[in-house]
N, C-alpha and C. Protein backbone atom coordinates (compact mmCIF):
# COMPACT_ATOMS: atom_id res chain seq x y z
N UNK A 1 -2.26 24.64 -10.44
CA UNK A 1 -2.96 25.35 -8.67
C UNK A 1 -2.08 26.33 -7.90
N UNK A 2 -3.62 27.49 -7.52
CA UNK A 2 -2.71 28.33 -6.34
C UNK A 2 -2.71 28.02 -5.43
N UNK A 3 -2.66 28.90 -4.13
CA UNK A 3 -2.73 28.51 -3.09
C UNK A 3 -4.28 29.39 -2.61
N UNK A 4 -4.99 30.08 -3.09
CA UNK A 4 -6.16 30.78 -3.00
C UNK A 4 -7.29 29.58 -3.50
N UNK A 5 -6.86 28.92 -4.40
CA UNK A 5 -8.07 28.02 -4.99
C UNK A 5 -8.59 27.24 -3.66
N UNK A 6 -9.73 27.02 -3.37
CA UNK A 6 -10.55 25.83 -2.52
C UNK A 6 -9.35 24.62 -2.42
N UNK A 7 -9.43 24.39 -1.14
CA UNK A 7 -8.78 23.02 -1.27
C UNK A 7 -9.58 21.70 -1.30
N UNK A 8 -10.75 21.92 -1.80
CA UNK A 8 -11.42 20.78 -2.77
C UNK A 8 -11.30 20.69 -3.68
N UNK A 9 -11.20 21.86 -4.33
CA UNK A 9 -10.85 21.99 -5.73
C UNK A 9 -9.46 21.51 -6.00
N UNK A 10 -8.67 21.98 -4.97
CA UNK A 10 -6.87 20.87 -5.26
C UNK A 10 -7.04 19.68 -5.10
N UNK A 11 -8.07 19.33 -3.93
CA UNK A 11 -7.77 17.36 -4.00
C UNK A 11 -9.03 17.07 -4.68
N UNK A 12 -9.70 17.94 -5.79
CA UNK A 12 -10.50 16.82 -6.65
C UNK A 12 -9.88 16.90 -7.70
N UNK A 13 -9.00 17.52 -8.19
CA UNK A 13 -8.05 17.39 -9.30
C UNK A 13 -6.74 16.85 -8.93
N UNK A 14 -6.12 16.23 -7.84
CA UNK A 14 -5.38 15.28 -7.17
C UNK A 14 -5.61 14.22 -7.19
N UNK A 15 -7.30 13.95 -6.90
CA UNK A 15 -7.81 12.90 -6.59
C UNK A 15 -7.67 11.96 -8.12
N UNK A 16 -8.43 13.12 -9.20
CA UNK A 16 -8.29 12.58 -10.30
C UNK A 16 -6.74 12.33 -11.04
N UNK A 17 -6.20 13.05 -11.04
CA UNK A 17 -4.66 12.38 -10.83
C UNK A 17 -4.22 10.97 -10.14
N UNK A 18 -4.53 11.62 -9.50
CA UNK A 18 -3.70 10.17 -9.00
C UNK A 18 -5.51 8.67 -9.28
N UNK A 19 -6.89 9.33 -9.52
CA UNK A 19 -7.02 7.90 -10.12
C UNK A 19 -6.57 7.51 -12.10
N UNK A 20 -5.83 8.73 -13.01
CA UNK A 20 -5.35 8.58 -13.85
C UNK A 20 -4.38 7.08 -13.54
N UNK A 21 -3.13 7.91 -12.74
CA UNK A 21 -2.42 7.49 -12.75
C UNK A 21 -2.71 5.78 -12.32
N UNK A 22 -3.54 5.45 -11.84
CA UNK A 22 -3.46 4.53 -10.88
C UNK A 22 -3.98 3.41 -12.28
N UNK A 23 -4.83 4.05 -13.12
CA UNK A 23 -5.61 3.21 -14.49
C UNK A 23 -4.67 3.25 -15.18
N UNK A 24 -3.81 4.16 -15.64
CA UNK A 24 -2.30 3.69 -16.51
C UNK A 24 -0.81 2.73 -15.51
N UNK A 25 -0.41 2.68 -14.53
CA UNK A 25 -0.22 1.79 -13.94
C UNK A 25 -0.83 0.34 -14.38
N UNK A 26 -1.91 -0.14 -14.09
CA UNK A 26 -3.14 -1.24 -14.50
C UNK A 26 -2.87 -1.36 -15.95
N UNK A 27 -3.22 -0.44 -16.86
CA UNK A 27 -3.14 -0.53 -18.47
C UNK A 27 -1.56 -0.77 -18.62
N UNK A 28 -0.74 -0.12 -17.93
CA UNK A 28 0.88 -0.47 -18.61
C UNK A 28 0.94 -2.29 -18.23
N UNK A 29 0.40 -2.50 -16.84
CA UNK A 29 1.20 -3.62 -16.38
C UNK A 29 0.70 -5.03 -16.76
N UNK A 30 -0.42 -4.91 -17.82
CA UNK A 30 -1.05 -6.33 -18.16
C UNK A 30 -0.14 -6.70 -19.54
N UNK A 31 0.14 -5.96 -20.41
CA UNK A 31 1.50 -6.49 -21.14
C UNK A 31 2.69 -6.38 -20.80
N UNK A 32 3.04 -6.32 -19.86
CA UNK A 32 4.39 -5.79 -18.79
C UNK A 32 4.58 -6.52 -18.58
N UNK A 33 3.73 -7.41 -17.45
CA UNK A 33 3.01 -8.69 -17.03
C UNK A 33 3.53 -9.94 -18.00
N UNK A 34 2.99 -10.03 -18.93
CA UNK A 34 3.36 -10.62 -19.82
C UNK A 34 4.15 -10.86 -20.51
N UNK A 35 4.94 -9.60 -21.29
CA UNK A 35 6.28 -9.47 -21.49
C UNK A 35 7.41 -9.91 -20.71
N UNK A 36 7.39 -9.24 -19.06
CA UNK A 36 8.60 -9.68 -18.63
C UNK A 36 8.10 -11.25 -18.02
N UNK A 37 7.35 -11.91 -17.33
CA UNK A 37 7.33 -13.17 -17.47
C UNK A 37 7.64 -14.08 -18.41
N UNK A 38 7.52 -14.06 -19.84
CA UNK A 38 8.22 -14.24 -20.64
C UNK A 38 9.25 -14.29 -20.99
N UNK A 39 10.06 -12.71 -20.81
CA UNK A 39 11.13 -12.67 -21.14
C UNK A 39 12.32 -13.21 -20.30
N UNK A 40 11.36 -14.05 -18.67
CA UNK A 40 12.49 -14.36 -17.70
C UNK A 40 12.64 -15.49 -17.21
N UNK A 41 10.92 -15.71 -18.04
CA UNK A 41 11.16 -17.73 -18.79
C UNK A 41 11.91 -18.32 -19.99
N UNK A 42 12.50 -17.43 -20.15
CA UNK A 42 12.56 -18.06 -21.66
C UNK A 42 13.38 -16.91 -22.44
N UNK A 43 14.69 -16.52 -21.40
CA UNK A 43 15.99 -16.09 -22.08
C UNK A 43 17.04 -16.90 -22.56
N UNK A 44 16.85 -18.21 -21.55
CA UNK A 44 18.26 -18.86 -21.45
C UNK A 44 17.89 -19.66 -22.47
N UNK A 45 17.02 -20.31 -22.66
CA UNK A 45 16.51 -21.53 -23.75
C UNK A 45 15.72 -21.50 -25.17
N UNK A 46 14.95 -19.95 -24.85
CA UNK A 46 14.55 -19.52 -26.31
C UNK A 46 12.80 -19.88 -25.84
N UNK A 47 12.39 -18.59 -27.03
CA UNK A 47 10.90 -18.97 -26.60
C UNK A 47 10.44 -20.29 -26.93
N UNK A 48 9.27 -20.86 -26.39
CA UNK A 48 8.88 -22.17 -26.81
C UNK A 48 7.49 -22.62 -25.49
N UNK A 49 6.46 -23.14 -26.38
CA UNK A 49 5.23 -23.41 -25.43
C UNK A 49 5.32 -23.13 -23.88
N UNK A 50 6.04 -24.25 -23.51
CA UNK A 50 7.05 -24.64 -22.25
C UNK A 50 7.33 -23.12 -21.15
N UNK A 51 8.19 -22.60 -22.01
CA UNK A 51 8.25 -20.97 -20.90
C UNK A 51 7.38 -19.89 -21.37
N UNK A 52 6.67 -20.21 -22.76
CA UNK A 52 5.45 -19.11 -22.76
C UNK A 52 4.31 -19.58 -20.81
N UNK A 53 4.38 -21.03 -21.41
CA UNK A 53 3.27 -20.85 -19.74
C UNK A 53 3.83 -20.32 -18.56
N UNK A 54 5.09 -20.69 -18.41
CA UNK A 54 5.89 -20.64 -17.21
C UNK A 54 6.13 -18.96 -16.93
N UNK A 55 6.08 -17.90 -18.00
CA UNK A 55 5.69 -16.78 -18.06
C UNK A 55 4.32 -16.34 -18.00
N UNK A 56 3.04 -17.13 -17.94
CA UNK A 56 1.87 -16.54 -17.73
C UNK A 56 1.30 -16.65 -16.10
N UNK A 57 2.54 -18.40 -15.85
CA UNK A 57 2.43 -18.62 -14.05
C UNK A 57 3.21 -17.42 -13.32
N UNK A 58 4.29 -16.95 -13.60
CA UNK A 58 4.63 -15.11 -13.57
C UNK A 58 4.33 -14.39 -13.07
N UNK A 59 3.45 -14.26 -14.09
CA UNK A 59 2.91 -12.94 -14.40
C UNK A 59 1.96 -12.22 -13.13
N UNK A 60 1.60 -13.37 -12.48
CA UNK A 60 0.19 -12.82 -11.59
C UNK A 60 0.97 -12.23 -10.35
N UNK A 61 2.22 -12.41 -10.58
CA UNK A 61 2.81 -11.91 -9.05
C UNK A 61 3.47 -9.85 -9.57
N UNK A 62 3.33 -10.04 -10.65
CA UNK A 62 3.48 -9.20 -11.26
C UNK A 62 2.66 -7.53 -11.29
N UNK A 63 1.23 -8.39 -11.36
CA UNK A 63 0.24 -7.55 -11.43
C UNK A 63 -0.33 -7.50 -9.94
N UNK A 64 0.07 -8.54 -9.19
CA UNK A 64 -0.15 -8.29 -8.20
C UNK A 64 0.33 -7.08 -7.34
N UNK A 65 1.49 -6.56 -8.02
CA UNK A 65 2.20 -5.80 -7.27
C UNK A 65 1.65 -4.21 -8.52
N UNK A 66 1.06 -4.53 -8.77
CA UNK A 66 0.57 -3.07 -9.76
C UNK A 66 -0.75 -3.02 -9.50
N UNK A 67 -1.73 -3.86 -9.15
CA UNK A 67 -2.52 -3.35 -8.26
C UNK A 67 -2.55 -2.91 -6.89
N UNK A 68 -1.28 -3.76 -5.76
CA UNK A 68 -1.13 -2.92 -4.84
C UNK A 68 -0.56 -0.83 -5.19
N UNK A 69 0.34 -0.83 -5.84
CA UNK A 69 0.28 0.75 -6.59
C UNK A 69 -0.64 1.28 -6.40
N UNK A 70 -1.27 0.32 -7.54
CA UNK A 70 -3.19 1.25 -7.95
C UNK A 70 -3.93 2.05 -6.73
N UNK A 71 -3.58 0.77 -6.01
CA UNK A 71 -4.56 0.71 -4.31
C UNK A 71 -4.07 1.48 -3.89
N UNK A 72 -2.87 2.34 -4.00
CA UNK A 72 -2.37 3.14 -3.39
C UNK A 72 -2.51 4.35 -3.23
N UNK A 73 -2.58 4.29 -4.60
CA UNK A 73 -2.60 6.03 -5.56
C UNK A 73 -4.60 6.26 -5.49
N UNK A 74 -5.34 5.45 -6.00
CA UNK A 74 -7.21 5.25 -5.38
C UNK A 74 -7.69 4.87 -4.40
N UNK A 75 -8.36 5.58 -4.28
CA UNK A 75 -9.55 4.30 -3.84
C UNK A 75 -10.75 4.39 -3.94
N UNK A 76 -11.92 3.43 -3.11
CA UNK A 76 -13.58 3.56 -3.23
C UNK A 76 -13.77 2.98 -4.30
N UNK A 77 -14.95 2.35 -4.41
CA UNK A 77 -15.62 2.06 -5.51
C UNK A 77 -14.86 2.57 -6.80
N UNK A 78 -14.93 3.74 -7.40
CA UNK A 78 -14.62 4.58 -8.52
C UNK A 78 -13.66 3.44 -8.68
N UNK A 79 -12.02 3.93 -7.85
CA UNK A 79 -10.87 3.12 -7.87
C UNK A 79 -11.08 1.79 -8.10
N UNK A 80 -11.93 0.82 -7.92
CA UNK A 80 -11.85 -0.55 -8.08
C UNK A 80 -12.07 -0.27 -9.90
N UNK A 81 -13.17 0.17 -9.95
CA UNK A 81 -13.81 0.04 -11.86
C UNK A 81 -12.51 0.73 -12.05
N UNK A 82 -11.78 1.92 -12.35
CA UNK A 82 -11.33 2.36 -12.67
C UNK A 82 -9.72 1.28 -12.94
N UNK A 83 -9.47 0.49 -12.06
CA UNK A 83 -8.40 -0.90 -11.97
C UNK A 83 -8.96 -2.34 -13.03
N UNK A 84 -10.42 -2.16 -12.81
CA UNK A 84 -10.40 -3.32 -14.01
C UNK A 84 -10.99 -2.85 -15.01
N UNK A 85 -10.98 -1.44 -15.29
CA UNK A 85 -11.28 -0.65 -16.56
C UNK A 85 -9.67 -0.64 -17.12
N UNK A 86 -8.65 -0.43 -16.51
CA UNK A 86 -7.25 -0.57 -16.64
C UNK A 86 -6.94 -2.12 -17.34
N UNK A 87 -7.26 -3.05 -16.46
CA UNK A 87 -6.93 -4.66 -17.10
C UNK A 87 -7.77 -4.10 -18.34
N UNK A 88 -8.72 -4.38 -18.71
CA UNK A 88 -9.47 -4.51 -19.85
C UNK A 88 -8.73 -3.53 -21.24
N UNK A 89 -8.00 -2.04 -20.57
CA UNK A 89 -7.42 -1.77 -22.01
C UNK A 89 -5.92 -2.49 -21.36
N UNK A 90 -5.60 -3.52 -20.90
CA UNK A 90 -4.40 -3.87 -20.81
C UNK A 90 -4.66 -5.02 -21.64
N UNK A 91 -5.74 -5.75 -21.44
CA UNK A 91 -5.77 -6.85 -22.29
C UNK A 91 -5.91 -6.63 -23.79
N UNK A 92 -6.89 -5.29 -23.98
CA UNK A 92 -6.60 -5.27 -25.29
C UNK A 92 -5.57 -4.37 -26.05
N UNK A 93 -4.54 -3.88 -24.92
CA UNK A 93 -2.94 -3.26 -25.66
C UNK A 93 -2.16 -4.45 -25.79
N UNK A 94 -2.60 -5.95 -25.48
CA UNK A 94 -1.42 -7.14 -25.15
C UNK A 94 -2.35 -7.79 -27.35
N UNK A 95 -3.32 -7.75 -27.19
CA UNK A 95 -3.48 -7.49 -28.95
C UNK A 95 -2.92 -6.87 -29.51
N UNK A 96 -2.78 -5.58 -29.48
CA UNK A 96 -2.57 -5.01 -30.52
C UNK A 96 -0.91 -5.00 -30.60
N UNK A 97 -0.02 -5.43 -29.51
CA UNK A 97 0.96 -5.35 -29.40
C UNK A 97 1.11 -6.97 -29.99
N UNK A 98 0.68 -7.66 -30.07
CA UNK A 98 0.97 -8.90 -30.50
C UNK A 98 0.52 -8.31 -32.46
N UNK A 99 -0.32 -8.25 -32.69
CA UNK A 99 -0.27 -7.54 -34.14
C UNK A 99 0.49 -6.70 -34.42
N UNK A 100 1.03 -5.76 -33.95
CA UNK A 100 1.78 -4.87 -34.24
C UNK A 100 3.72 -6.07 -34.63
N UNK A 101 2.90 -6.91 -33.67
CA UNK A 101 4.50 -7.68 -33.49
C UNK A 101 4.66 -8.83 -35.09
N UNK A 102 3.34 -8.51 -35.49
CA UNK A 102 3.15 -9.39 -36.71
C UNK A 102 3.48 -11.36 -36.15
N UNK A 103 2.46 -11.03 -34.68
CA UNK A 103 2.32 -12.25 -34.04
C UNK A 103 0.65 -12.71 -33.69
N UNK A 104 -0.07 -12.65 -34.33
CA UNK A 104 -1.57 -12.26 -33.42
C UNK A 104 -1.84 -13.41 -32.70
N UNK A 105 -2.24 -13.15 -31.60
CA UNK A 105 -2.27 -14.44 -30.87
C UNK A 105 -3.91 -14.68 -31.25
N UNK A 106 -3.86 -15.40 -31.59
CA UNK A 106 -5.43 -16.62 -32.10
C UNK A 106 -6.57 -16.89 -30.40
N UNK A 107 -7.63 -15.89 -30.20
CA UNK A 107 -7.86 -16.62 -29.14
C UNK A 107 -9.30 -16.63 -29.45
N UNK A 108 -10.21 -17.45 -28.85
CA UNK A 108 -11.37 -17.54 -29.07
C UNK A 108 -12.31 -16.08 -27.64
N UNK A 109 -13.09 -15.70 -27.75
CA UNK A 109 -13.84 -15.21 -26.85
C UNK A 109 -13.86 -15.74 -25.37
N UNK A 110 -13.91 -17.06 -25.39
CA UNK A 110 -14.08 -17.45 -24.02
C UNK A 110 -12.52 -17.76 -23.73
N UNK A 111 -11.79 -18.03 -24.37
CA UNK A 111 -9.93 -17.44 -23.73
C UNK A 111 -9.86 -16.19 -23.29
N UNK A 112 -10.37 -15.45 -23.77
CA UNK A 112 -9.92 -14.08 -23.65
C UNK A 112 -10.91 -13.35 -22.38
N UNK A 113 -11.73 -14.36 -21.84
CA UNK A 113 -12.30 -13.16 -20.42
C UNK A 113 -11.95 -14.35 -20.22
N UNK A 114 -11.12 -16.04 -20.39
CA UNK A 114 -10.46 -16.48 -19.62
C UNK A 114 -9.16 -16.22 -19.30
N UNK A 115 -8.66 -15.53 -19.67
CA UNK A 115 -7.64 -14.24 -19.39
C UNK A 115 -7.18 -13.34 -19.18
N UNK A 116 -8.82 -12.43 -19.17
CA UNK A 116 -8.77 -10.92 -18.78
C UNK A 116 -9.29 -11.69 -17.05
N UNK A 117 -9.60 -12.77 -16.70
CA UNK A 117 -10.31 -12.68 -14.96
C UNK A 117 -8.62 -13.14 -14.79
N UNK A 118 -8.02 -13.93 -15.09
CA UNK A 118 -6.50 -14.27 -15.14
C UNK A 118 -5.72 -12.96 -14.45
N UNK A 119 -5.79 -12.58 -15.19
CA UNK A 119 -4.88 -10.68 -15.53
C UNK A 119 -5.76 -9.99 -14.01
N UNK A 120 -6.88 -9.76 -14.25
CA UNK A 120 -7.81 -8.86 -13.27
C UNK A 120 -8.07 -9.86 -11.84
N UNK A 121 -7.88 -10.99 -12.13
CA UNK A 121 -7.96 -11.64 -10.33
C UNK A 121 -7.06 -10.49 -9.67
N UNK A 122 -5.58 -11.29 -9.78
CA UNK A 122 -4.13 -10.85 -8.80
C UNK A 122 -3.68 -9.47 -8.99
N UNK A 123 -4.97 -8.33 -10.09
CA UNK A 123 -4.37 -7.14 -9.85
C UNK A 123 -5.96 -6.38 -8.01
N UNK A 124 -7.07 -7.15 -8.30
CA UNK A 124 -7.77 -6.72 -7.83
C UNK A 124 -7.45 -6.91 -6.32
N UNK A 125 -6.64 -8.46 -5.95
CA UNK A 125 -6.04 -8.36 -5.02
C UNK A 125 -5.21 -7.68 -4.55
N UNK A 126 -4.32 -7.63 -5.59
CA UNK A 126 -3.30 -6.57 -4.74
C UNK A 126 -3.70 -4.80 -4.65
N UNK A 127 -4.67 -4.66 -5.69
CA UNK A 127 -5.98 -3.49 -4.88
C UNK A 127 -5.85 -3.37 -3.87
N UNK A 128 -6.99 -4.39 -3.23
CA UNK A 128 -7.36 -4.62 -1.87
C UNK A 128 -6.30 -4.41 -1.05
N UNK A 129 -5.33 -5.07 -0.83
CA UNK A 129 -3.95 -4.99 0.21
C UNK A 129 -3.30 -3.97 -0.35
N UNK A 130 -3.53 -2.78 -1.25
CA UNK A 130 -3.14 -2.02 -1.17
C UNK A 130 -4.00 -0.99 -0.48
N UNK A 131 -5.54 -0.84 -0.76
CA UNK A 131 -6.36 -0.25 0.44
C UNK A 131 -6.45 -0.45 1.35
N UNK A 132 -6.01 -1.48 2.09
CA UNK A 132 -5.51 -2.07 3.42
C UNK A 132 -4.82 -1.44 3.94
N UNK A 133 -3.58 -1.06 2.94
CA UNK A 133 -2.00 -0.56 3.86
C UNK A 133 -2.44 0.97 3.49
N UNK A 134 -2.95 1.32 2.66
CA UNK A 134 -3.34 3.05 2.59
C UNK A 134 -4.10 3.06 3.80
N UNK A 135 -5.06 2.17 4.36
CA UNK A 135 -6.11 2.85 5.61
C UNK A 135 -5.30 2.42 6.97
N UNK A 136 -4.20 1.22 6.73
CA UNK A 136 -3.56 1.44 8.03
C UNK A 136 -2.58 2.65 8.12
N UNK A 137 -1.61 2.86 7.18
CA UNK A 137 -0.70 4.20 7.19
C UNK A 137 -1.44 5.17 7.33
N UNK A 138 -2.82 5.67 6.99
CA UNK A 138 -3.12 6.80 6.62
C UNK A 138 -4.03 6.99 8.30
N UNK A 139 -4.30 5.77 9.14
CA UNK A 139 -5.14 6.01 10.06
C UNK A 139 -3.59 6.11 11.23
N UNK A 140 -2.82 6.30 10.97
CA UNK A 140 -1.54 6.46 12.20
C UNK A 140 -1.19 7.82 11.85
N UNK A 141 -1.15 8.00 10.32
CA UNK A 141 -0.78 9.18 10.15
C UNK A 141 -1.62 10.38 10.54
N UNK A 142 -2.13 10.04 10.91
CA UNK A 142 -3.57 11.69 10.90
C UNK A 142 -3.80 11.50 12.28
């Protein structure tokens, strides 16, 4: 972008980059949160079903932070929709990573919906907090 291009054109490209960044943050955060939660829980005693449950219970806090970052990056209904698409991409990534690792997670469609809601809720709450912070800070800076 050069300085001679209209401001509206630069802002549209900048907004698209921010939207893409928010989508990528969430898509990476979903498998990252599950992996980080499991590693934090299982580092000392080895991987078993109890530490996996602890990892699942820790992952919402990581997802809340990712949603907050996404809320600061993007805005509006389009941003919210991109965040939810990012959750879906992240959930598919979890299945793909488990398949490539040779440890396919066998879940039914109902369990998949529950897991998606489990991941989407903290991301959405984090997004809303990020938008609120963005409005408060943006209003003071303007």
